[in-house]
Amino acid sequence: MALKSAAILISILLGVFSSRTASAQSIRVAIPGISGTLLPLYVGQEKRLFKKHGLDSELIMVRSGSVAVQSLLAGEIQYAASGTSSGIEAKLAGADMISITDYMNTLPYTLVTSDRIKSANQLKGKRFAVSRLGAISDIALRLALKNLGVDPAKDAVILGIGDAAARFAALKVGSVDGTVISPPDTLTARKLGFNLLTSFQDAGIKFAYGSIFITSDYGRKNRTSVLNFLRGFSEAIAFLRKNKEETLSVLSKWTRNSDRESLEDTYDFFLRLYPAKPFSDDEAVRAVIEVLGEKNTAVKKFKPADFYDMQYLREIDQSGFIDKLYR
């Protein structure tokens, strides 16, 4: 009896030891602030989907996409969520890094105008506000105007005003005629009586906006980690597409926003932007290259495929993993 008890005890201890040795791999993921664009990461973290696939993940808040990239290159984190343009610029500067998923291939902005402007043919000669010249909101505005037949260099005055609140104030008093914003500011714009003229998705404008980066060296040495990260990330996208209420709860927690209407507006807007299979889109990356090429001609010698490596995502897709998430 004593021998049997001892055997059971040893079996239990071996099981504990085995579970510890097979414990999840720790990873750190840098995120640049709080935004609806990062919702798959919030969901993956809160719903323990990275954990499900063998990763003990931690989301690390940093000030910007460029800081996320710097932290990645310094080895402080293993994955960097960043604007695609930040990663491309780092690659141009010699950084050994690649995108493993470009999960947002349009700009998450809407062109908003004062109530005096009802259509695109009224935009020429008008004044527009962005956060600052050269910022992504400035790039977005210029692309939107070009798409609507307005030359931003000749037919528009673009001013660096500040955050959305400052731009709304300028719109309200009439010192500017339009701006670009993202949810939940779109809800505020509607309540203030402004016109939501067009969104980038509605206009069919492609632009690689959101990516996850790793270093090439990390990918070579930690292939299983990268595959598991993408499994968790892909499952998070599937989860948020199928579970609105739980996703709203996650979004509320991370944005510290309890306003139901605002949360729904943000969820509904971004839901349309996440592809079930978040592969890179060459047309979307080429759009980034063209914009960056206006200031740095060196980027024009590169192809879109020079900035991403979809082998990991392709492997899990070809295994049928992503398709099963939607059955």
C-alpha atoms as a PDB file:
ATOM      1  CA  MET A   1       0.000   0.000   0.000  1.00  0.00           C
ATOM      2  CA  ALA A   2       2.839   2.334   0.926  1.00  0.00           C
ATOM      3  CA  LEU A   3       4.586   1.513  -2.356  1.00  0.00           C
ATOM      4  CA  LYS A   4       1.383   2.204  -4.269  1.00  0.00           C
ATOM      5  CA  SER A   5       0.957   5.572  -2.512  1.00  0.00           C
ATOM      6  CA  ALA A   6       4.566   6.449  -3.213  1.00  0.00           C
ATOM      7  CA  ALA A   7       4.083   5.557  -6.866  1.00  0.00           C
ATOM      8  CA  ILE A   8       1.026   7.797  -7.058  1.00  0.00           C
ATOM      9  CA  LEU A   9       2.933  10.645  -5.379  1.00  0.00           C
ATOM     10  CA  ILE A  10       5.844  10.260  -7.788  1.00  0.00           C
ATOM     11  CA  SER A  11       3.410  10.224 -10.714  1.00  0.00           C
ATOM     12  CA  ILE A  12       1.810  13.460  -9.491  1.00  0.00           C
ATOM     13  CA  LEU A  13       5.183  15.123  -8.974  1.00  0.00           C
ATOM     14  CA  LEU A  14       6.350  14.039 -12.423  1.00  0.00           C
ATOM     15  CA  GLY A  15       3.150  15.468 -13.879  1.00  0.00           C
ATOM     16  CA  VAL A  16       3.740  18.778 -12.141  1.00  0.00           C
ATOM     17  CA  PHE A  17       7.344  18.817 -13.304  1.00  0.00           C
ATOM     18  CA  SER A  18       6.294  17.940 -16.830  1.00  0.00           C
ATOM     19  CA  SER A  19       3.704  20.730 -16.933  1.00  0.00           C
ATOM     20  CA  ARG A  20       6.265  23.224 -15.695  1.00  0.00           C
ATOM     21  CA  THR A  21       8.874  22.222 -18.239  1.00  0.00           C
ATOM     22  CA  ALA A  22       6.206  22.478 -20.921  1.00  0.00           C
ATOM     23  CA  SER A  23       5.066  25.864 -19.652  1.00  0.00           C
ATOM     24  CA  ALA A  24       4.225  28.633 -22.085  1.00  0.00           C
ATOM     25  CA  GLN A  25       7.027  30.602 -23.729  1.00  0.00           C
ATOM     26  CA  SER A  26       7.147  34.189 -22.513  1.00  0.00           C
ATOM     27  CA  ILE A  27       6.818  36.898 -25.146  1.00  0.00           C
ATOM     28  CA  ARG A  28       6.526  40.669 -24.930  1.00  0.00           C
ATOM     29  CA  VAL A  29       4.541  42.609 -27.506  1.00  0.00           C
ATOM     30  CA  ALA A  30       4.955  46.372 -27.834  1.00  0.00           C
ATOM     31  CA  ILE A  31       1.776  48.330 -28.583  1.00  0.00           C
ATOM     32  CA  PRO A  32       1.820  52.055 -29.445  1.00  0.00           C
ATOM     33  CA  GLY A  33      -0.894  53.475 -27.241  1.00  0.00           C
ATOM     34  CA  ILE A  34      -4.596  52.613 -27.133  1.00  0.00           C
ATOM     35  CA  SER A  35      -6.492  52.327 -30.395  1.00  0.00           C
ATOM     36  CA  GLY A  36      -9.216  50.290 -32.040  1.00  0.00           C
ATOM     37  CA  THR A  37      -6.598  49.214 -34.573  1.00  0.00           C
ATOM     38  CA  LEU A  38      -5.052  47.033 -31.855  1.00  0.00           C
ATOM     39  CA  LEU A  39      -8.280  45.230 -30.941  1.00  0.00           C
ATOM     40  CA  PRO A  40      -7.065  41.760 -32.066  1.00  0.00           C
ATOM     41  CA  LEU A  41      -4.158  42.036 -29.626  1.00  0.00           C
ATOM     42  CA  TYR A  42      -6.438  43.102 -26.771  1.00  0.00           C
ATOM     43  CA  VAL A  43      -8.763  40.185 -27.502  1.00  0.00           C
ATOM     44  CA  GLY A  44      -5.906  37.723 -27.847  1.00  0.00           C
ATOM     45  CA  GLN A  45      -4.558  38.825 -24.481  1.00  0.00           C
ATOM     46  CA  GLU A  46      -7.831  39.024 -22.552  1.00  0.00           C
ATOM     47  CA  LYS A  47      -9.288  35.798 -23.935  1.00  0.00           C
ATOM     48  CA  ARG A  48      -5.991  33.972 -23.366  1.00  0.00           C
ATOM     49  CA  LEU A  49      -5.748  32.971 -27.006  1.00  0.00           C
ATOM     50  CA  PHE A  50      -1.974  33.431 -27.106  1.00  0.00           C
ATOM     51  CA  LYS A  51      -1.825  31.336 -23.932  1.00  0.00           C
ATOM     52  CA  LYS A  52      -3.953  28.700 -25.642  1.00  0.00           C
ATOM     53  CA  HIS A  53      -1.231  28.362 -28.243  1.00  0.00           C
ATOM     54  CA  GLY A  54       1.638  28.075 -25.812  1.00  0.00           C
ATOM     55  CA  LEU A  55       2.633  31.698 -25.286  1.00  0.00           C
ATOM     56  CA  ASP A  56       2.728  33.632 -22.025  1.00  0.00           C
ATOM     57  CA  SER A  57       2.161  37.055 -23.580  1.00  0.00           C
ATOM     58  CA  GLU A  58       2.520  40.544 -22.163  1.00  0.00           C
ATOM     59  CA  LEU A  59       1.407  43.701 -23.967  1.00  0.00           C
ATOM     60  CA  ILE A  60       3.851  46.535 -23.304  1.00  0.00           C
ATOM     61  CA  MET A  61       2.608  50.080 -23.823  1.00  0.00           C
ATOM     62  CA  VAL A  62       5.040  52.399 -25.634  1.00  0.00           C
ATOM     63  CA  ARG A  63       4.689  55.975 -26.846  1.00  0.00           C
ATOM     64  CA  SER A  64       4.640  55.364 -30.599  1.00  0.00           C
ATOM     65  CA  GLY A  65       5.200  52.923 -33.417  1.00  0.00           C
ATOM     66  CA  SER A  66       8.765  54.115 -33.847  1.00  0.00           C
ATOM     67  CA  VAL A  67       9.473  53.410 -30.165  1.00  0.00           C
ATOM     68  CA  ALA A  68       7.968  49.933 -30.614  1.00  0.00           C
ATOM     69  CA  VAL A  69      10.371  49.327 -33.493  1.00  0.00           C
ATOM     70  CA  GLN A  70      13.337  50.604 -31.470  1.00  0.00           C
ATOM     71  CA  SER A  71      12.397  48.309 -28.576  1.00  0.00           C
ATOM     72  CA  LEU A  72      12.219  45.382 -30.979  1.00  0.00           C
ATOM     73  CA  LEU A  73      15.663  46.076 -32.404  1.00  0.00           C
ATOM     74  CA  ALA A  74      17.083  46.494 -28.900  1.00  0.00           C
ATOM     75  CA  GLY A  75      15.807  43.032 -27.977  1.00  0.00           C
ATOM     76  CA  GLU A  76      13.547  44.385 -25.244  1.00  0.00           C
ATOM     77  CA  ILE A  77      10.454  42.880 -26.853  1.00  0.00           C
ATOM     78  CA  GLN A  78       9.882  40.084 -29.369  1.00  0.00           C
ATOM     79  CA  TYR A  79       6.929  41.474 -31.348  1.00  0.00           C
ATOM     80  CA  ALA A  80       6.164  45.071 -32.293  1.00  0.00           C
ATOM     81  CA  ALA A  81       2.724  46.288 -33.316  1.00  0.00           C
ATOM     82  CA  SER A  82       3.384  49.371 -35.377  1.00  0.00           C
ATOM     83  CA  GLY A  83       2.338  51.416 -38.339  1.00  0.00           C
ATOM     84  CA  THR A  84       3.608  49.716 -41.491  1.00  0.00           C
ATOM     85  CA  SER A  85       5.389  52.898 -42.554  1.00  0.00           C
ATOM     86  CA  SER A  86       7.480  52.922 -39.355  1.00  0.00           C
ATOM     87  CA  GLY A  87       8.690  49.412 -40.086  1.00  0.00           C
ATOM     88  CA  ILE A  88       9.506  50.237 -43.688  1.00  0.00           C
ATOM     89  CA  GLU A  89      11.479  53.311 -42.643  1.00  0.00           C
ATOM     90  CA  ALA A  90      13.422  51.218 -40.107  1.00  0.00           C
ATOM     91  CA  LYS A  91      14.160  48.617 -42.778  1.00  0.00           C
ATOM     92  CA  LEU A  92      15.424  51.372 -45.069  1.00  0.00           C
ATOM     93  CA  ALA A  93      17.779  52.466 -42.299  1.00  0.00           C
ATOM     94  CA  GLY A  94      19.261  48.958 -42.192  1.00  0.00           C
ATOM     95  CA  ALA A  95      17.136  47.299 -39.502  1.00  0.00           C
ATOM     96  CA  ASP A  96      16.920  43.525 -39.755  1.00  0.00           C
ATOM     97  CA  MET A  97      13.169  43.256 -39.309  1.00  0.00           C
ATOM     98  CA  ILE A  98      10.140  41.997 -41.205  1.00  0.00           C
ATOM     99  CA  SER A  99       6.371  42.135 -41.004  1.00  0.00           C
ATOM    100  CA  ILE A 100       4.707  38.789 -40.317  1.00  0.00           C
ATOM    101  CA  THR A 101       1.186  40.132 -40.797  1.00  0.00           C
ATOM    102  CA  ASP A 102      -0.201  43.315 -42.325  1.00  0.00           C
ATOM    103  CA  TYR A 103      -3.612  43.117 -40.715  1.00  0.00           C
ATOM    104  CA  MET A 104      -5.002  46.474 -41.803  1.00  0.00           C
ATOM    105  CA  ASN A 105      -4.651  47.369 -45.461  1.00  0.00           C
ATOM    106  CA  THR A 106      -6.521  50.639 -45.524  1.00  0.00           C
ATOM    107  CA  LEU A 107      -6.329  53.779 -43.414  1.00  0.00           C
ATOM    108  CA  PRO A 108      -8.839  53.762 -40.521  1.00  0.00           C
ATOM    109  CA  TYR A 109      -9.940  57.321 -41.200  1.00  0.00           C
ATOM    110  CA  THR A 110     -13.041  59.163 -42.311  1.00  0.00           C
ATOM    111  CA  LEU A 111     -13.003  62.524 -44.076  1.00  0.00           C
ATOM    112  CA  VAL A 112     -15.212  64.871 -42.075  1.00  0.00           C
ATOM    113  CA  THR A 113     -16.339  68.300 -43.259  1.00  0.00           C
ATOM    114  CA  SER A 114     -18.340  71.196 -41.890  1.00  0.00           C
ATOM    115  CA  ASP A 115     -22.090  71.189 -42.477  1.00  0.00           C
ATOM    116  CA  ARG A 116     -21.552  73.726 -45.274  1.00  0.00           C
ATOM    117  CA  ILE A 117     -19.830  71.113 -47.465  1.00  0.00           C
ATOM    118  CA  LYS A 118     -22.191  68.478 -48.810  1.00  0.00           C
ATOM    119  CA  SER A 119     -20.152  66.879 -51.616  1.00  0.00           C
ATOM    120  CA  ALA A 120     -16.618  66.348 -52.905  1.00  0.00           C
ATOM    121  CA  ASN A 121     -16.937  69.003 -55.627  1.00  0.00           C
ATOM    122  CA  GLN A 122     -17.051  71.646 -52.883  1.00  0.00           C
ATOM    123  CA  LEU A 123     -13.617  70.743 -51.473  1.00  0.00           C
ATOM    124  CA  LYS A 124     -11.319  72.692 -53.776  1.00  0.00           C
ATOM    125  CA  GLY A 125      -9.775  75.761 -52.189  1.00  0.00           C
ATOM    126  CA  LYS A 126     -10.805  74.746 -48.684  1.00  0.00           C
ATOM    127  CA  ARG A 127      -8.788  74.611 -45.441  1.00  0.00           C
ATOM    128  CA  PHE A 128      -8.136  71.297 -43.682  1.00  0.00           C
ATOM    129  CA  ALA A 129      -6.815  70.336 -40.262  1.00  0.00           C
ATOM    130  CA  VAL A 130      -4.475  67.478 -39.351  1.00  0.00           C
ATOM    131  CA  SER A 131      -2.712  66.623 -36.102  1.00  0.00           C
ATOM    132  CA  ARG A 132       0.621  67.815 -37.485  1.00  0.00           C
ATOM    133  CA  LEU A 133       2.166  68.121 -40.923  1.00  0.00           C
ATOM    134  CA  GLY A 134       3.839  64.879 -41.931  1.00  0.00           C
ATOM    135  CA  ALA A 135       1.819  62.777 -39.459  1.00  0.00           C
ATOM    136  CA  ILE A 136      -0.288  59.841 -40.597  1.00  0.00           C
ATOM    137  CA  SER A 137      -3.404  62.047 -40.439  1.00  0.00           C
ATOM    138  CA  ASP A 138      -1.695  64.412 -42.902  1.00  0.00           C
ATOM    139  CA  ILE A 139      -0.836  61.513 -45.228  1.00  0.00           C
ATOM    140  CA  ALA A 140      -4.401  60.217 -44.933  1.00  0.00           C
ATOM    141  CA  LEU A 141      -5.929  63.591 -45.739  1.00  0.00           C
ATOM    142  CA  ARG A 142      -3.748  64.082 -48.813  1.00  0.00           C
ATOM    143  CA  LEU A 143      -4.631  60.603 -50.114  1.00  0.00           C
ATOM    144  CA  ALA A 144      -8.335  61.224 -49.512  1.00  0.00           C
ATOM    145  CA  LEU A 145      -8.250  64.551 -51.341  1.00  0.00           C
ATOM    146  CA  LYS A 146      -6.362  63.047 -54.297  1.00  0.00           C
ATOM    147  CA  ASN A 147      -8.921  60.260 -54.508  1.00  0.00           C
ATOM    148  CA  LEU A 148     -11.689  62.881 -54.657  1.00  0.00           C
ATOM    149  CA  GLY A 149      -9.980  64.818 -57.433  1.00  0.00           C
ATOM    150  CA  VAL A 150      -8.453  67.549 -55.269  1.00  0.00           C
ATOM    151  CA  ASP A 151      -4.726  68.307 -55.545  1.00  0.00           C
ATOM    152  CA  PRO A 152      -3.633  68.800 -51.912  1.00  0.00           C
ATOM    153  CA  ALA A 153      -0.610  70.839 -52.998  1.00  0.00           C
ATOM    154  CA  LYS A 154      -2.541  73.265 -55.199  1.00  0.00           C
ATOM    155  CA  ASP A 155      -6.189  73.135 -54.225  1.00  0.00           C
ATOM    156  CA  ALA A 156      -6.088  72.875 -50.428  1.00  0.00           C
ATOM    157  CA  VAL A 157      -4.601  74.553 -47.371  1.00  0.00           C
ATOM    158  CA  ILE A 158      -3.504  71.997 -44.778  1.00  0.00           C
ATOM    159  CA  LEU A 159      -2.830  73.077 -41.204  1.00  0.00           C
ATOM    160  CA  GLY A 160      -1.339  71.222 -38.253  1.00  0.00           C
ATOM    161  CA  ILE A 161      -3.907  71.867 -35.516  1.00  0.00           C
ATOM    162  CA  GLY A 162      -3.520  69.098 -32.929  1.00  0.00           C
ATOM    163  CA  ASP A 163      -5.708  66.309 -31.585  1.00  0.00           C
ATOM    164  CA  ALA A 164      -9.293  65.571 -32.610  1.00  0.00           C
ATOM    165  CA  ALA A 165     -10.755  67.920 -29.998  1.00  0.00           C
ATOM    166  CA  ALA A 166      -8.705  70.822 -31.372  1.00  0.00           C
ATOM    167  CA  ARG A 167      -9.693  69.957 -34.937  1.00  0.00           C
ATOM    168  CA  PHE A 168     -13.372  69.741 -33.999  1.00  0.00           C
ATOM    169  CA  ALA A 169     -13.121  73.151 -32.354  1.00  0.00           C
ATOM    170  CA  ALA A 170     -11.572  74.586 -35.523  1.00  0.00           C
ATOM    171  CA  LEU A 171     -14.347  73.027 -37.619  1.00  0.00           C
ATOM    172  CA  LYS A 172     -17.015  74.383 -35.303  1.00  0.00           C
ATOM    173  CA  VAL A 173     -15.830  77.990 -35.493  1.00  0.00           C
ATOM    174  CA  GLY A 174     -15.213  77.734 -39.236  1.00  0.00           C
ATOM    175  CA  SER A 175     -11.448  78.271 -39.263  1.00  0.00           C
ATOM    176  CA  VAL A 176     -11.100  74.993 -41.193  1.00  0.00           C
ATOM    177  CA  ASP A 177     -13.511  73.142 -43.456  1.00  0.00           C
ATOM    178  CA  GLY A 178     -12.513  69.525 -42.959  1.00  0.00           C
ATOM    179  CA  THR A 179     -10.297  66.951 -41.260  1.00  0.00           C
ATOM    180  CA  VAL A 180      -9.759  63.192 -40.997  1.00  0.00           C
ATOM    181  CA  ILE A 181     -10.655  61.242 -37.860  1.00  0.00           C
ATOM    182  CA  SER A 182     -11.058  57.695 -36.529  1.00  0.00           C
ATOM    183  CA  PRO A 183     -13.659  56.183 -34.185  1.00  0.00           C
ATOM    184  CA  PRO A 184     -14.874  56.962 -31.622  1.00  0.00           C
ATOM    185  CA  ASP A 185     -14.383  60.548 -32.829  1.00  0.00           C
ATOM    186  CA  THR A 186     -16.673  59.779 -35.776  1.00  0.00           C
ATOM    187  CA  LEU A 187     -19.568  59.510 -33.336  1.00  0.00           C
ATOM    188  CA  THR A 188     -18.674  62.904 -31.857  1.00  0.00           C
ATOM    189  CA  ALA A 189     -18.510  64.369 -35.362  1.00  0.00           C
ATOM    190  CA  ARG A 190     -22.030  63.171 -36.175  1.00  0.00           C
ATOM    191  CA  LYS A 191     -23.383  64.559 -32.918  1.00  0.00           C
ATOM    192  CA  LEU A 192     -21.784  67.920 -33.687  1.00  0.00           C
ATOM    193  CA  GLY A 193     -23.538  68.019 -37.043  1.00  0.00           C
ATOM    194  CA  PHE A 194     -20.489  67.546 -39.262  1.00  0.00           C
ATOM    195  CA  ASN A 195     -20.678  65.590 -42.502  1.00  0.00           C
ATOM    196  CA  LEU A 196     -18.870  62.249 -42.759  1.00  0.00           C
ATOM    197  CA  LEU A 197     -18.040  62.594 -46.440  1.00  0.00           C
ATOM    198  CA  THR A 198     -16.191  59.314 -47.048  1.00  0.00           C
ATOM    199  CA  SER A 199     -14.093  56.667 -45.330  1.00  0.00           C
ATOM    200  CA  PHE A 200     -11.009  55.106 -46.881  1.00  0.00           C
ATOM    201  CA  GLN A 201     -12.675  51.718 -46.963  1.00  0.00           C
ATOM    202  CA  ASP A 202     -15.765  53.125 -48.671  1.00  0.00           C
ATOM    203  CA  ALA A 203     -13.506  54.832 -51.215  1.00  0.00           C
ATOM    204  CA  GLY A 204     -11.573  51.609 -51.825  1.00  0.00           C
ATOM    205  CA  ILE A 205      -8.237  53.212 -50.957  1.00  0.00           C
ATOM    206  CA  LYS A 206      -5.570  50.662 -50.066  1.00  0.00           C
ATOM    207  CA  PHE A 207      -2.732  51.566 -47.724  1.00  0.00           C
ATOM    208  CA  ALA A 208      -0.794  49.217 -45.428  1.00  0.00           C
ATOM    209  CA  TYR A 209      -1.480  50.690 -41.997  1.00  0.00           C
ATOM    210  CA  GLY A 210      -1.131  48.082 -39.238  1.00  0.00           C
ATOM    211  CA  SER A 211       1.573  45.414 -39.017  1.00  0.00           C
ATOM    212  CA  ILE A 212       3.275  43.097 -36.548  1.00  0.00           C
ATOM    213  CA  PHE A 213       7.066  43.048 -36.827  1.00  0.00           C
ATOM    214  CA  ILE A 214       9.764  40.672 -35.651  1.00  0.00           C
ATOM    215  CA  THR A 215      13.473  40.592 -36.356  1.00  0.00           C
ATOM    216  CA  SER A 216      14.556  38.112 -39.018  1.00  0.00           C
ATOM    217  CA  ASP A 217      16.917  36.546 -36.500  1.00  0.00           C
ATOM    218  CA  TYR A 218      14.102  35.955 -34.002  1.00  0.00           C
ATOM    219  CA  GLY A 219      12.030  34.295 -36.707  1.00  0.00           C
ATOM    220  CA  ARG A 220      14.862  31.940 -37.630  1.00  0.00           C
ATOM    221  CA  LYS A 221      15.515  30.934 -34.043  1.00  0.00           C
ATOM    222  CA  ASN A 222      11.919  30.895 -32.769  1.00  0.00           C
ATOM    223  CA  ARG A 223       9.786  29.597 -35.616  1.00  0.00           C
ATOM    224  CA  THR A 224       7.371  27.796 -33.302  1.00  0.00           C
ATOM    225  CA  SER A 225       6.804  30.967 -31.291  1.00  0.00           C
ATOM    226  CA  VAL A 226       6.017  32.963 -34.437  1.00  0.00           C
ATOM    227  CA  LEU A 227       3.611  30.301 -35.710  1.00  0.00           C
ATOM    228  CA  ASN A 228       1.855  30.157 -32.335  1.00  0.00           C
ATOM    229  CA  PHE A 229       1.648  33.934 -32.132  1.00  0.00           C
ATOM    230  CA  LEU A 230      -0.060  34.053 -35.521  1.00  0.00           C
ATOM    231  CA  ARG A 231      -2.412  31.248 -34.497  1.00  0.00           C
ATOM    232  CA  GLY A 232      -3.448  33.278 -31.453  1.00  0.00           C
ATOM    233  CA  PHE A 233      -3.701  36.481 -33.486  1.00  0.00           C
ATOM    234  CA  SER A 234      -5.781  34.846 -36.231  1.00  0.00           C
ATOM    235  CA  GLU A 235      -8.055  33.269 -33.628  1.00  0.00           C
ATOM    236  CA  ALA A 236      -8.478  36.672 -31.972  1.00  0.00           C
ATOM    237  CA  ILE A 237      -9.705  38.136 -35.275  1.00  0.00           C
ATOM    238  CA  ALA A 238     -12.156  35.259 -35.655  1.00  0.00           C
ATOM    239  CA  PHE A 239     -13.305  35.705 -32.047  1.00  0.00           C
ATOM    240  CA  LEU A 240     -14.007  39.429 -32.362  1.00  0.00           C
ATOM    241  CA  ARG A 241     -15.875  38.862 -35.619  1.00  0.00           C
ATOM    242  CA  LYS A 242     -18.151  36.271 -33.984  1.00  0.00           C
ATOM    243  CA  ASN A 243     -18.484  37.554 -30.396  1.00  0.00           C
ATOM    244  CA  LYS A 244     -19.575  41.179 -30.328  1.00  0.00           C
ATOM    245  CA  GLU A 245     -20.610  41.484 -26.686  1.00  0.00           C
ATOM    246  CA  GLU A 246     -17.457  39.912 -25.277  1.00  0.00           C
ATOM    247  CA  THR A 247     -15.343  41.990 -27.633  1.00  0.00           C
ATOM    248  CA  LEU A 248     -17.102  45.183 -26.543  1.00  0.00           C
ATOM    249  CA  SER A 249     -16.238  44.274 -22.961  1.00  0.00           C
ATOM    250  CA  VAL A 250     -12.560  43.875 -23.902  1.00  0.00           C
ATOM    251  CA  LEU A 251     -12.597  47.142 -25.830  1.00  0.00           C
ATOM    252  CA  SER A 252     -14.202  48.931 -22.887  1.00  0.00           C
ATOM    253  CA  LYS A 253     -11.527  47.644 -20.512  1.00  0.00           C
ATOM    254  CA  TRP A 254      -8.586  48.654 -22.690  1.00  0.00           C
ATOM    255  CA  THR A 255      -9.929  52.034 -23.797  1.00  0.00           C
ATOM    256  CA  ARG A 256     -11.391  52.796 -20.354  1.00  0.00           C
ATOM    257  CA  ASN A 257     -14.573  53.806 -22.090  1.00  0.00           C
ATOM    258  CA  SER A 258     -17.955  52.672 -20.795  1.00  0.00           C
ATOM    259  CA  ASP A 259     -20.106  54.548 -23.313  1.00  0.00           C
ATOM    260  CA  ARG A 260     -22.024  51.844 -25.198  1.00  0.00           C
ATOM    261  CA  GLU A 261     -22.733  53.956 -28.265  1.00  0.00           C
ATOM    262  CA  SER A 262     -19.096  54.963 -28.597  1.00  0.00           C
ATOM    263  CA  LEU A 263     -17.885  51.381 -28.164  1.00  0.00           C
ATOM    264  CA  GLU A 264     -20.326  50.065 -30.762  1.00  0.00           C
ATOM    265  CA  ASP A 265     -19.317  52.765 -33.234  1.00  0.00           C
ATOM    266  CA  THR A 266     -15.660  51.807 -32.807  1.00  0.00           C
ATOM    267  CA  TYR A 267     -16.366  48.070 -33.028  1.00  0.00           C
ATOM    268  CA  ASP A 268     -18.577  48.346 -36.123  1.00  0.00           C
ATOM    269  CA  PHE A 269     -16.034  50.522 -37.917  1.00  0.00           C
ATOM    270  CA  PHE A 270     -12.967  48.382 -37.261  1.00  0.00           C
ATOM    271  CA  LEU A 271     -14.772  45.071 -37.719  1.00  0.00           C
ATOM    272  CA  ARG A 272     -14.914  45.792 -41.452  1.00  0.00           C
ATOM    273  CA  LEU A 273     -11.171  46.413 -41.624  1.00  0.00           C
ATOM    274  CA  TYR A 274      -9.784  43.150 -40.211  1.00  0.00           C
ATOM    275  CA  PRO A 275      -9.383  40.440 -42.869  1.00  0.00           C
ATOM    276  CA  ALA A 276     -10.008  36.863 -41.790  1.00  0.00           C
ATOM    277  CA  LYS A 277      -6.604  36.031 -43.258  1.00  0.00           C
ATOM    278  CA  PRO A 278      -4.337  38.993 -42.483  1.00  0.00           C
ATOM    279  CA  PHE A 279      -1.855  38.635 -45.333  1.00  0.00           C
ATOM    280  CA  SER A 280       0.107  41.522 -46.739  1.00  0.00           C
ATOM    281  CA  ASP A 281      -1.351  43.233 -49.798  1.00  0.00           C
ATOM    282  CA  ASP A 282       1.206  44.355 -52.378  1.00  0.00           C
ATOM    283  CA  GLU A 283      -0.986  47.209 -53.608  1.00  0.00           C
ATOM    284  CA  ALA A 284      -1.396  48.478 -50.043  1.00  0.00           C
ATOM    285  CA  VAL A 285       2.357  48.276 -49.309  1.00  0.00           C
ATOM    286  CA  ARG A 286       3.148  49.922 -52.644  1.00  0.00           C
ATOM    287  CA  ALA A 287       0.966  52.868 -51.611  1.00  0.00           C
ATOM    288  CA  VAL A 288       3.155  53.324 -48.511  1.00  0.00           C
ATOM    289  CA  ILE A 289       6.301  53.115 -50.623  1.00  0.00           C
ATOM    290  CA  GLU A 290       4.969  55.821 -52.943  1.00  0.00           C
ATOM    291  CA  VAL A 291       4.184  58.159 -50.050  1.00  0.00           C
ATOM    292  CA  LEU A 292       7.562  57.609 -48.373  1.00  0.00           C
ATOM    293  CA  GLY A 293       9.248  57.979 -51.747  1.00  0.00           C
ATOM    294  CA  GLU A 294       8.156  61.611 -51.931  1.00  0.00           C
ATOM    295  CA  LYS A 295      10.726  62.380 -49.229  1.00  0.00           C
ATOM    296  CA  ASN A 296      13.143  59.472 -49.565  1.00  0.00           C
ATOM    297  CA  THR A 297      13.699  58.309 -53.131  1.00  0.00           C
ATOM    298  CA  ALA A 298      15.769  55.339 -51.897  1.00  0.00           C
ATOM    299  CA  VAL A 299      12.577  53.500 -51.003  1.00  0.00           C
ATOM    300  CA  LYS A 300      11.482  53.376 -54.631  1.00  0.00           C
ATOM    301  CA  LYS A 301      14.085  50.733 -55.503  1.00  0.00           C
ATOM    302  CA  PHE A 302      12.387  48.248 -53.159  1.00  0.00           C
ATOM    303  CA  LYS A 303       9.506  45.884 -53.911  1.00  0.00           C
ATOM    304  CA  PRO A 304       6.615  45.403 -51.445  1.00  0.00           C
ATOM    305  CA  ALA A 305       7.819  41.851 -50.749  1.00  0.00           C
ATOM    306  CA  ASP A 306      11.117  43.231 -49.411  1.00  0.00           C
ATOM    307  CA  PHE A 307       9.291  44.420 -46.307  1.00  0.00           C
ATOM    308  CA  TYR A 308       7.313  41.370 -45.250  1.00  0.00           C
ATOM    309  CA  ASP A 309       7.624  37.620 -44.806  1.00  0.00           C
ATOM    310  CA  MET A 310       4.324  35.770 -45.032  1.00  0.00           C
ATOM    311  CA  GLN A 311       5.827  32.272 -44.825  1.00  0.00           C
ATOM    312  CA  TYR A 312       4.642  31.819 -41.232  1.00  0.00           C
ATOM    313  CA  LEU A 313       1.068  32.931 -41.868  1.00  0.00           C
ATOM    314  CA  ARG A 314       1.003  30.917 -45.087  1.00  0.00           C
ATOM    315  CA  GLU A 315       2.025  27.792 -43.192  1.00  0.00           C
ATOM    316  CA  ILE A 316      -0.815  28.009 -40.688  1.00  0.00           C
ATOM    317  CA  ASP A 317      -3.269  28.921 -43.436  1.00  0.00           C
ATOM    318  CA  GLN A 318      -2.255  25.960 -45.601  1.00  0.00           C
ATOM    319  CA  SER A 319      -2.733  23.680 -42.598  1.00  0.00           C
ATOM    320  CA  GLY A 320      -6.422  24.658 -42.607  1.00  0.00           C
ATOM    321  CA  PHE A 321      -6.178  26.313 -39.185  1.00  0.00           C
ATOM    322  CA  ILE A 322      -7.741  29.647 -40.169  1.00  0.00           C
ATOM    323  CA  ASP A 323     -10.555  28.096 -42.201  1.00  0.00           C
ATOM    324  CA  LYS A 324     -11.541  25.956 -39.219  1.00  0.00           C
ATOM    325  CA  LEU A 325     -11.974  29.086 -37.090  1.00  0.00           C
ATOM    326  CA  TYR A 326     -14.940  30.128 -39.239  1.00  0.00           C
ATOM    327  CA  ARG A 327     -16.762  26.796 -39.488  1.00  0.00           C
END
